[in-house]
Protein backbone atom coordinates (compact mmCIF):
# COMPACT_ATOMS: atom_id res chain seq x y z
CA MET A 1 3.54 13.59 -6.35
CA LYS A 2 4.80 13.40 -2.73
CA ALA A 3 3.33 9.96 -1.95
CA LYS A 4 1.85 6.84 -3.57
CA ILE A 5 -0.90 4.46 -2.64
CA TYR A 6 0.04 2.44 0.58
CA ASP A 7 2.81 4.78 1.55
CA ARG A 8 3.08 5.17 5.23
CA ILE A 9 3.19 8.73 6.46
CA VAL A 10 3.46 10.78 9.65
CA LEU A 11 1.38 13.95 10.33
CA LEU A 12 3.10 17.20 10.70
CA VAL A 13 0.08 19.17 11.93
CA ASP A 14 -3.12 18.40 13.83
CA ILE A 15 -6.13 17.59 11.44
CA GLN A 16 -9.36 18.73 12.72
CA LEU A 17 -12.31 16.39 11.92
CA ARG A 18 -15.94 17.08 12.87
CA ASN A 19 -15.66 15.54 16.42
CA VAL A 20 -12.06 14.68 16.97
CA VAL A 21 -8.66 15.89 16.33
CA VAL A 22 -5.98 13.71 14.86
CA PRO A 23 -2.85 14.86 16.37
CA ARG A 24 0.55 15.80 14.95
CA GLY A 25 2.81 12.78 14.95
CA THR A 26 -0.11 10.22 14.12
CA GLU A 27 1.03 7.58 11.54
CA ALA A 28 -1.39 6.87 8.47
CA THR A 29 -1.44 4.87 5.21
CA ILE A 30 -2.22 6.64 1.97
CA VAL A 31 -5.32 5.20 0.43
CA GLY A 32 -6.15 7.65 -2.24
CA VAL A 33 -4.22 10.14 -4.47
CA TYR A 34 -5.71 13.22 -6.21
CA THR A 35 -4.31 15.79 -8.53
CA ASP A 36 -7.45 17.79 -9.59
CA PRO A 37 -8.07 20.63 -8.63
CA ILE A 38 -5.09 20.26 -6.23
CA GLU A 39 -2.81 17.71 -4.97
CA GLY A 40 -4.29 15.84 -2.05
CA TYR A 41 -4.22 12.41 -0.32
CA ASP A 42 -6.82 10.28 1.55
CA ALA A 43 -5.12 8.40 4.39
CA ASP A 44 -6.31 6.08 7.03
CA ALA A 45 -4.93 7.22 10.30
CA ASP A 46 -4.09 4.97 13.21
CA ILE A 47 -5.67 6.56 16.48
CA PRO A 48 -4.65 5.25 19.73
CA ALA A 49 -7.86 3.86 21.63
CA PRO A 50 -6.66 2.01 24.73
CA GLU A 51 -10.20 1.09 25.73
CA LEU A 52 -10.69 -0.91 22.47
CA VAL A 53 -9.43 -4.30 21.85
CA GLY A 54 -6.23 -4.06 19.76
CA GLY A 55 -5.67 -0.51 21.25
CA LYS A 56 -6.48 1.54 18.28
CA THR A 57 -9.11 2.83 15.94
CA TRP A 58 -8.84 4.25 12.43
CA LYS A 59 -10.04 7.53 10.92
CA ASN A 60 -10.05 8.50 7.19
CA ILE A 61 -8.57 11.91 6.71
CA THR A 62 -7.72 14.10 3.76
CA VAL A 63 -4.19 15.80 3.63
CA HIS A 64 -2.22 18.10 1.57
CA PRO A 65 1.52 17.53 0.81
CA ASP A 66 2.67 19.97 3.41
CA GLN A 67 0.73 18.34 6.17
CA PHE A 68 2.87 15.11 6.25
CA GLU A 69 5.99 13.18 5.63
CA VAL A 70 6.64 9.77 4.02
CA ILE A 71 8.19 7.61 6.59
CA ALA A 72 7.99 4.16 4.52
CA PRO A 73 7.24 3.96 0.94
CA SER A 74 4.93 1.15 -0.11
CA PRO A 75 6.47 -2.06 -1.36
CA SER A 76 5.36 -1.45 -4.95
CA SER A 77 7.04 1.97 -4.64
CA GLN A 78 10.26 0.44 -3.56
CA ALA A 79 10.11 -2.11 -6.44
CA THR A 80 9.61 0.66 -9.09
CA ASP A 81 12.51 2.61 -7.60
CA ASN A 82 14.81 -0.46 -7.58
CA GLN A 83 13.88 -1.19 -11.41
CA ALA A 84 14.78 2.28 -12.28
CA GLN A 85 18.31 2.02 -10.94
């Protein structure tokens, strides 16, 4: 598995949704991990929206391992890695 729940990722490609494109470079948080029938991940993507209070909105996207890079492992991932050492 490339990522775990709550890992922070960055998109390497544009993700086309029904009415919006989530652009490459967007950061997201993994919220679901799947292995059957193929490896995939659900992620909540942070979408800039300067017209909104807080300056962003979120879209739930589904990505495959080749479409993102992990930029910050979840705290639970780090604890598991530290215990293994």
